[in-house]
C-alpha atoms as a PDB file:
ATOM      1  CA  UNK A   1      -9.436  -0.581 -20.991  1.00  0.00           C
ATOM      2  CA  UNK A   2      -9.422   1.788 -23.965  1.00  0.00           C
ATOM      3  CA  UNK A   3      -9.992   5.388 -22.946  1.00  0.00           C
ATOM      4  CA  UNK A   4      -8.347   5.121 -19.526  1.00  0.00           C
ATOM      5  CA  UNK A   5      -5.662   7.692 -18.815  1.00  0.00           C
ATOM      6  CA  UNK A   6      -2.234   6.177 -19.011  1.00  0.00           C
ATOM      7  CA  UNK A   7      -0.773   7.983 -16.008  1.00  0.00           C
ATOM      8  CA  UNK A   8      -1.303   5.679 -13.057  1.00  0.00           C
ATOM      9  CA  UNK A   9      -0.851   6.286  -9.326  1.00  0.00           C
ATOM     10  CA  UNK A  10      -0.398   3.039  -7.415  1.00  0.00           C
ATOM     11  CA  UNK A  11      -1.451   3.400  -3.795  1.00  0.00           C
ATOM     12  CA  UNK A  12      -0.398   1.196  -0.934  1.00  0.00           C
ATOM     13  CA  UNK A  13      -3.235   1.053   1.634  1.00  0.00           C
ATOM     14  CA  UNK A  14      -2.053   0.276   5.145  1.00  0.00           C
ATOM     15  CA  UNK A  15      -0.015   3.147   6.580  1.00  0.00           C
ATOM     16  CA  UNK A  16      -0.643   5.391   3.572  1.00  0.00           C
ATOM     17  CA  UNK A  17      -4.426   5.825   3.603  1.00  0.00           C
ATOM     18  CA  UNK A  18      -5.095   4.655   7.145  1.00  0.00           C
ATOM     19  CA  UNK A  19      -2.994   4.415  10.312  1.00  0.00           C
ATOM     20  CA  UNK A  20      -3.385   0.671  10.680  1.00  0.00           C
ATOM     21  CA  UNK A  21      -0.020  -0.515  11.980  1.00  0.00           C
ATOM     22  CA  UNK A  22      -1.211  -1.047  15.548  1.00  0.00           C
ATOM     23  CA  UNK A  23      -4.316  -3.043  14.616  1.00  0.00           C
ATOM     24  CA  UNK A  24      -2.202  -5.279  12.371  1.00  0.00           C
ATOM     25  CA  UNK A  25       0.374  -5.718  15.114  1.00  0.00           C
ATOM     26  CA  UNK A  26      -2.233  -6.598  17.725  1.00  0.00           C
ATOM     27  CA  UNK A  27      -3.920  -9.035  15.336  1.00  0.00           C
ATOM     28  CA  UNK A  28      -0.552 -10.759  14.782  1.00  0.00           C
ATOM     29  CA  UNK A  29       0.006 -10.999  18.529  1.00  0.00           C
ATOM     30  CA  UNK A  30      -3.378 -12.653  18.988  1.00  0.00           C
ATOM     31  CA  UNK A  31      -2.440 -15.453  16.602  1.00  0.00           C
ATOM     32  CA  UNK A  32       0.903 -16.088  18.257  1.00  0.00           C
ATOM     33  CA  UNK A  33       3.445 -13.682  16.773  1.00  0.00           C
ATOM     34  CA  UNK A  34       6.454 -13.303  19.099  1.00  0.00           C
ATOM     35  CA  UNK A  35       7.613 -10.070  17.478  1.00  0.00           C
ATOM     36  CA  UNK A  36       7.861  -6.657  19.067  1.00  0.00           C
ATOM     37  CA  UNK A  37       6.820  -3.552  17.158  1.00  0.00           C
ATOM     38  CA  UNK A  38      10.238  -2.848  15.684  1.00  0.00           C
ATOM     39  CA  UNK A  39      10.590  -6.468  14.534  1.00  0.00           C
ATOM     40  CA  UNK A  40       7.132  -6.223  12.980  1.00  0.00           C
ATOM     41  CA  UNK A  41       8.150  -3.099  11.053  1.00  0.00           C
ATOM     42  CA  UNK A  42      11.289  -4.842   9.843  1.00  0.00           C
ATOM     43  CA  UNK A  43       9.145  -7.458   8.105  1.00  0.00           C
ATOM     44  CA  UNK A  44       8.091  -4.724   5.672  1.00  0.00           C
ATOM     45  CA  UNK A  45      11.650  -3.963   4.574  1.00  0.00           C
ATOM     46  CA  UNK A  46      11.129  -6.621   1.897  1.00  0.00           C
ATOM     47  CA  UNK A  47       8.227  -8.783   0.744  1.00  0.00           C
ATOM     48  CA  UNK A  48       6.261  -9.255   3.989  1.00  0.00           C
ATOM     49  CA  UNK A  49       4.972 -12.725   3.042  1.00  0.00           C
ATOM     50  CA  UNK A  50       8.477 -14.009   2.338  1.00  0.00           C
ATOM     51  CA  UNK A  51       9.681 -12.493   5.621  1.00  0.00           C
ATOM     52  CA  UNK A  52       6.865 -14.114   7.623  1.00  0.00           C
ATOM     53  CA  UNK A  53       7.650 -17.531   6.116  1.00  0.00           C
ATOM     54  CA  UNK A  54      11.144 -17.310   7.596  1.00  0.00           C
ATOM     55  CA  UNK A  55       9.860 -16.761  11.134  1.00  0.00           C
ATOM     56  CA  UNK A  56      10.157 -19.552  13.680  1.00  0.00           C
ATOM     57  CA  UNK A  57       6.467 -20.120  14.351  1.00  0.00           C
ATOM     58  CA  UNK A  58       3.835 -22.045  12.478  1.00  0.00           C
ATOM     59  CA  UNK A  59       1.350 -20.213  10.302  1.00  0.00           C
ATOM     60  CA  UNK A  60      -1.769 -22.150   9.396  1.00  0.00           C
ATOM     61  CA  UNK A  61      -4.800 -21.325   7.243  1.00  0.00           C
ATOM     62  CA  UNK A  62      -6.761 -21.057  10.492  1.00  0.00           C
ATOM     63  CA  UNK A  63      -4.319 -18.519  12.000  1.00  0.00           C
ATOM     64  CA  UNK A  64      -4.318 -16.516   8.783  1.00  0.00           C
ATOM     65  CA  UNK A  65      -8.110 -16.409   8.818  1.00  0.00           C
ATOM     66  CA  UNK A  66      -8.102 -15.363  12.467  1.00  0.00           C
ATOM     67  CA  UNK A  67      -5.540 -12.686  11.766  1.00  0.00           C
ATOM     68  CA  UNK A  68      -7.540 -11.095   8.954  1.00  0.00           C
ATOM     69  CA  UNK A  69     -10.781 -11.299  10.942  1.00  0.00           C
ATOM     70  CA  UNK A  70      -9.146  -9.381  13.787  1.00  0.00           C
ATOM     71  CA  UNK A  71      -7.507  -6.927  11.380  1.00  0.00           C
ATOM     72  CA  UNK A  72     -10.731  -6.196   9.513  1.00  0.00           C
ATOM     73  CA  UNK A  73     -12.639  -5.681  12.737  1.00  0.00           C
ATOM     74  CA  UNK A  74     -10.111  -3.059  13.817  1.00  0.00           C
ATOM     75  CA  UNK A  75      -9.799  -1.486  10.372  1.00  0.00           C
ATOM     76  CA  UNK A  76     -13.484  -0.667  10.075  1.00  0.00           C
ATOM     77  CA  UNK A  77     -13.253   1.434  13.279  1.00  0.00           C
ATOM     78  CA  UNK A  78     -10.506   3.672  11.850  1.00  0.00           C
ATOM     79  CA  UNK A  79     -10.899   6.827   9.764  1.00  0.00           C
ATOM     80  CA  UNK A  80      -8.614   7.703   6.836  1.00  0.00           C
ATOM     81  CA  UNK A  81      -5.459   9.700   7.527  1.00  0.00           C
ATOM     82  CA  UNK A  82      -6.407  13.386   7.808  1.00  0.00           C
ATOM     83  CA  UNK A  83      -6.404  15.023   4.372  1.00  0.00           C
ATOM     84  CA  UNK A  84      -6.125  11.732   2.466  1.00  0.00           C
ATOM     85  CA  UNK A  85      -9.690  11.756   1.171  1.00  0.00           C
ATOM     86  CA  UNK A  86      -9.222  15.199  -0.362  1.00  0.00           C
ATOM     87  CA  UNK A  87      -5.859  14.181  -1.854  1.00  0.00           C
ATOM     88  CA  UNK A  88      -7.356  11.066  -3.447  1.00  0.00           C
ATOM     89  CA  UNK A  89     -10.192  13.083  -4.929  1.00  0.00           C
ATOM     90  CA  UNK A  90      -7.741  15.611  -6.408  1.00  0.00           C
ATOM     91  CA  UNK A  91      -5.467  12.961  -7.911  1.00  0.00           C
ATOM     92  CA  UNK A  92      -8.413  11.038  -9.386  1.00  0.00           C
ATOM     93  CA  UNK A  93      -9.187  14.039 -11.570  1.00  0.00           C
ATOM     94  CA  UNK A  94      -5.927  13.623 -13.485  1.00  0.00           C
ATOM     95  CA  UNK A  95      -4.764  10.037 -13.005  1.00  0.00           C
ATOM     96  CA  UNK A  96      -5.906   6.431 -12.875  1.00  0.00           C
ATOM     97  CA  UNK A  97      -5.709   5.230  -9.252  1.00  0.00           C
ATOM     98  CA  UNK A  98      -5.036   1.586  -8.331  1.00  0.00           C
ATOM     99  CA  UNK A  99      -4.608   0.090  -4.834  1.00  0.00           C
ATOM    100  CA  UNK A 100      -1.712  -2.389  -4.561  1.00  0.00           C
ATOM    101  CA  UNK A 101      -1.787  -3.862  -1.059  1.00  0.00           C
ATOM    102  CA  UNK A 102      -0.674  -6.841   1.022  1.00  0.00           C
ATOM    103  CA  UNK A 103      -4.096  -6.954   2.685  1.00  0.00           C
ATOM    104  CA  UNK A 104      -7.010  -8.814   1.094  1.00  0.00           C
ATOM    105  CA  UNK A 105      -9.042  -6.944  -1.495  1.00  0.00           C
ATOM    106  CA  UNK A 106     -12.659  -7.215  -0.301  1.00  0.00           C
ATOM    107  CA  UNK A 107     -12.376  -5.462   3.083  1.00  0.00           C
ATOM    108  CA  UNK A 108     -10.251  -2.730   1.515  1.00  0.00           C
ATOM    109  CA  UNK A 109     -12.983  -2.196  -1.058  1.00  0.00           C
ATOM    110  CA  UNK A 110     -15.543  -2.146   1.754  1.00  0.00           C
ATOM    111  CA  UNK A 111     -13.514   0.356   3.750  1.00  0.00           C
ATOM    112  CA  UNK A 112     -13.093   2.673   0.770  1.00  0.00           C
ATOM    113  CA  UNK A 113     -16.797   2.465  -0.032  1.00  0.00           C
ATOM    114  CA  UNK A 114     -17.679   3.220   3.584  1.00  0.00           C
ATOM    115  CA  UNK A 115     -15.636   6.390   3.374  1.00  0.00           C
ATOM    116  CA  UNK A 116     -16.960   7.335  -0.096  1.00  0.00           C
ATOM    117  CA  UNK A 117     -13.613   6.704  -1.786  1.00  0.00           C
ATOM    118  CA  UNK A 118     -14.238   3.466  -3.675  1.00  0.00           C
ATOM    119  CA  UNK A 119     -15.327   5.206  -6.892  1.00  0.00           C
ATOM    120  CA  UNK A 120     -11.945   6.906  -7.244  1.00  0.00           C
ATOM    121  CA  UNK A 121     -10.050   3.619  -7.702  1.00  0.00           C
ATOM    122  CA  UNK A 122     -10.049   1.564 -10.890  1.00  0.00           C
ATOM    123  CA  UNK A 123      -9.113  -1.621  -9.031  1.00  0.00           C
ATOM    124  CA  UNK A 124      -8.001  -3.098  -5.710  1.00  0.00           C
ATOM    125  CA  UNK A 125      -5.152  -5.608  -5.954  1.00  0.00           C
ATOM    126  CA  UNK A 126      -4.727  -7.404  -2.647  1.00  0.00           C
ATOM    127  CA  UNK A 127      -2.860 -10.508  -1.513  1.00  0.00           C
ATOM    128  CA  UNK A 128      -5.741 -12.609  -2.862  1.00  0.00           C
ATOM    129  CA  UNK A 129      -4.706 -11.416  -6.349  1.00  0.00           C
ATOM    130  CA  UNK A 130      -1.028 -12.189  -5.711  1.00  0.00           C
ATOM    131  CA  UNK A 131       1.323 -11.986  -2.734  1.00  0.00           C
ATOM    132  CA  UNK A 132       4.042 -10.252  -4.795  1.00  0.00           C
ATOM    133  CA  UNK A 133       3.587  -6.545  -5.377  1.00  0.00           C
ATOM    134  CA  UNK A 134       6.129  -6.816  -8.188  1.00  0.00           C
ATOM    135  CA  UNK A 135       3.795  -9.245  -9.962  1.00  0.00           C
ATOM    136  CA  UNK A 136       0.784  -7.033  -9.346  1.00  0.00           C
ATOM    137  CA  UNK A 137       2.575  -4.012 -10.769  1.00  0.00           C
ATOM    138  CA  UNK A 138       3.350  -6.026 -13.867  1.00  0.00           C
ATOM    139  CA  UNK A 139      -0.343  -6.936 -14.056  1.00  0.00           C
ATOM    140  CA  UNK A 140      -1.162  -3.236 -13.991  1.00  0.00           C
ATOM    141  CA  UNK A 141       1.197  -2.681 -16.933  1.00  0.00           C
ATOM    142  CA  UNK A 142      -0.684  -5.295 -18.937  1.00  0.00           C
ATOM    143  CA  UNK A 143      -4.213  -4.316 -17.926  1.00  0.00           C
ATOM    144  CA  UNK A 144      -3.795  -0.604 -18.535  1.00  0.00           C
ATOM    145  CA  UNK A 145      -1.311  -0.852 -21.420  1.00  0.00           C
ATOM    146  CA  UNK A 146       1.173   1.223 -19.438  1.00  0.00           C
ATOM    147  CA  UNK A 147       4.921   1.185 -18.901  1.00  0.00           C
ATOM    148  CA  UNK A 148       7.022   1.953 -15.803  1.00  0.00           C
ATOM    149  CA  UNK A 149       7.363   5.579 -16.848  1.00  0.00           C
ATOM    150  CA  UNK A 150       3.580   5.941 -16.681  1.00  0.00           C
ATOM    151  CA  UNK A 151       3.334   4.793 -13.046  1.00  0.00           C
ATOM    152  CA  UNK A 152       4.368   5.986  -9.614  1.00  0.00           C
ATOM    153  CA  UNK A 153       3.920   4.047  -6.370  1.00  0.00           C
ATOM    154  CA  UNK A 154       2.843   5.878  -3.201  1.00  0.00           C
ATOM    155  CA  UNK A 155       4.032   3.820  -0.234  1.00  0.00           C
ATOM    156  CA  UNK A 156       5.126   3.966   3.395  1.00  0.00           C
ATOM    157  CA  UNK A 157       7.559   1.005   3.362  1.00  0.00           C
ATOM    158  CA  UNK A 158      11.049   0.262   2.127  1.00  0.00           C
ATOM    159  CA  UNK A 159       9.886  -3.161   0.926  1.00  0.00           C
ATOM    160  CA  UNK A 160       7.395  -1.614  -1.486  1.00  0.00           C
ATOM    161  CA  UNK A 161      10.092   0.673  -2.850  1.00  0.00           C
ATOM    162  CA  UNK A 162      12.226  -2.390  -3.570  1.00  0.00           C
ATOM    163  CA  UNK A 163       9.330  -4.195  -5.266  1.00  0.00           C
ATOM    164  CA  UNK A 164       8.568  -1.145  -7.426  1.00  0.00           C
ATOM    165  CA  UNK A 165      12.242  -0.678  -8.339  1.00  0.00           C
ATOM    166  CA  UNK A 166      12.335  -4.262  -9.665  1.00  0.00           C
ATOM    167  CA  UNK A 167       9.674  -3.108 -12.146  1.00  0.00           C
ATOM    168  CA  UNK A 168      11.529   0.166 -12.870  1.00  0.00           C
ATOM    169  CA  UNK A 169       8.690   2.079 -11.211  1.00  0.00           C
ATOM    170  CA  UNK A 170       9.612   5.059  -9.086  1.00  0.00           C
ATOM    171  CA  UNK A 171       8.135   5.565  -5.608  1.00  0.00           C
ATOM    172  CA  UNK A 172       6.928   8.441  -3.501  1.00  0.00           C
ATOM    173  CA  UNK A 173       7.512   7.596   0.139  1.00  0.00           C
ATOM    174  CA  UNK A 174       5.261   8.936   2.899  1.00  0.00           C
ATOM    175  CA  UNK A 175       6.547   9.210   6.465  1.00  0.00           C
ATOM    176  CA  UNK A 176       3.259   8.952   8.404  1.00  0.00           C
ATOM    177  CA  UNK A 177       3.018   5.161   7.977  1.00  0.00           C
ATOM    178  CA  UNK A 178       4.950   2.044   8.955  1.00  0.00           C
ATOM    179  CA  UNK A 179       8.465   3.306   8.143  1.00  0.00           C
ATOM    180  CA  UNK A 180      10.101   6.568   9.149  1.00  0.00           C
ATOM    181  CA  UNK A 181      12.028   8.817   6.742  1.00  0.00           C
ATOM    182  CA  UNK A 182      15.437   7.363   7.615  1.00  0.00           C
ATOM    183  CA  UNK A 183      14.336   3.852   6.660  1.00  0.00           C
ATOM    184  CA  UNK A 184      12.580   4.967   3.489  1.00  0.00           C
ATOM    185  CA  UNK A 185      15.675   6.842   2.364  1.00  0.00           C
ATOM    186  CA  UNK A 186      17.519   3.502   2.096  1.00  0.00           C
ATOM    187  CA  UNK A 187      15.389   2.806  -0.994  1.00  0.00           C
ATOM    188  CA  UNK A 188      15.098   4.282  -4.456  1.00  0.00           C
ATOM    189  CA  UNK A 189      12.505   7.018  -4.677  1.00  0.00           C
ATOM    190  CA  UNK A 190      11.385  10.074  -6.588  1.00  0.00           C
ATOM    191  CA  UNK A 191      10.440  11.915  -3.380  1.00  0.00           C
ATOM    192  CA  UNK A 192       9.704  11.398   0.310  1.00  0.00           C
ATOM    193  CA  UNK A 193       6.968  13.584   1.779  1.00  0.00           C
ATOM    194  CA  UNK A 194       6.166  14.296   5.431  1.00  0.00           C
ATOM    195  CA  UNK A 195       2.727  15.867   5.048  1.00  0.00           C
ATOM    196  CA  UNK A 196      -0.395  14.593   3.327  1.00  0.00           C
ATOM    197  CA  UNK A 197      -0.971  18.005   1.778  1.00  0.00           C
ATOM    198  CA  UNK A 198       2.347  17.662  -0.063  1.00  0.00           C
ATOM    199  CA  UNK A 199       1.528  14.312  -1.677  1.00  0.00           C
ATOM    200  CA  UNK A 200      -0.512  15.567  -4.613  1.00  0.00           C
ATOM    201  CA  UNK A 201       2.185  18.112  -5.448  1.00  0.00           C
ATOM    202  CA  UNK A 202       4.804  15.339  -5.483  1.00  0.00           C
ATOM    203  CA  UNK A 203       2.677  13.230  -7.843  1.00  0.00           C
ATOM    204  CA  UNK A 204       2.051  16.162 -10.192  1.00  0.00           C
ATOM    205  CA  UNK A 205       5.771  16.897 -10.155  1.00  0.00           C
ATOM    206  CA  UNK A 206       6.593  13.309 -11.085  1.00  0.00           C
ATOM    207  CA  UNK A 207       4.299  13.437 -14.092  1.00  0.00           C
ATOM    208  CA  UNK A 208       5.444  16.917 -15.043  1.00  0.00           C
ATOM    209  CA  UNK A 209       2.017  18.389 -14.493  1.00  0.00           C
END
């Protein structure tokens, strides 16, 4: 990857780029989840896959496949969060952008391509790559010859902040996604922003630009 800029913005997908909480929640209900919306949000206070494993209902390969089929169907009907496309385009001028998500990679790539955003991202690292975002961040370090100081993670969940902190990567929390400001502020972060138009400024500030 010689020649790539070494300043990297890691983007969560669900909740950050697209308002997808409800479609994910409804998909989970269709495959038998007993959780209410607040309980669903609580799953994302840590590693969501580890949290789901602790739940008292059986998850099978068939139910996982059914969940993602329902999720993808709903996702493709949604548009990006207002202003996000412009923000991504601005950040791509100065930084390497990588998606680190708990969803599977291929539909995320398809969604970004559909909205003319795919070309701005160097890679999409979904749960098919690894279920641990900590591991995927470490993979980014290796692939792009970068250290924690060269990366910032844009996320809407406390769990992601915790995963990033384990890698010594700072986070920028956004409050228009799964978790509200009060929950995000329980984590370690460089900044928490309430408006999409403030995100690029927060990233530039982190990198001293």
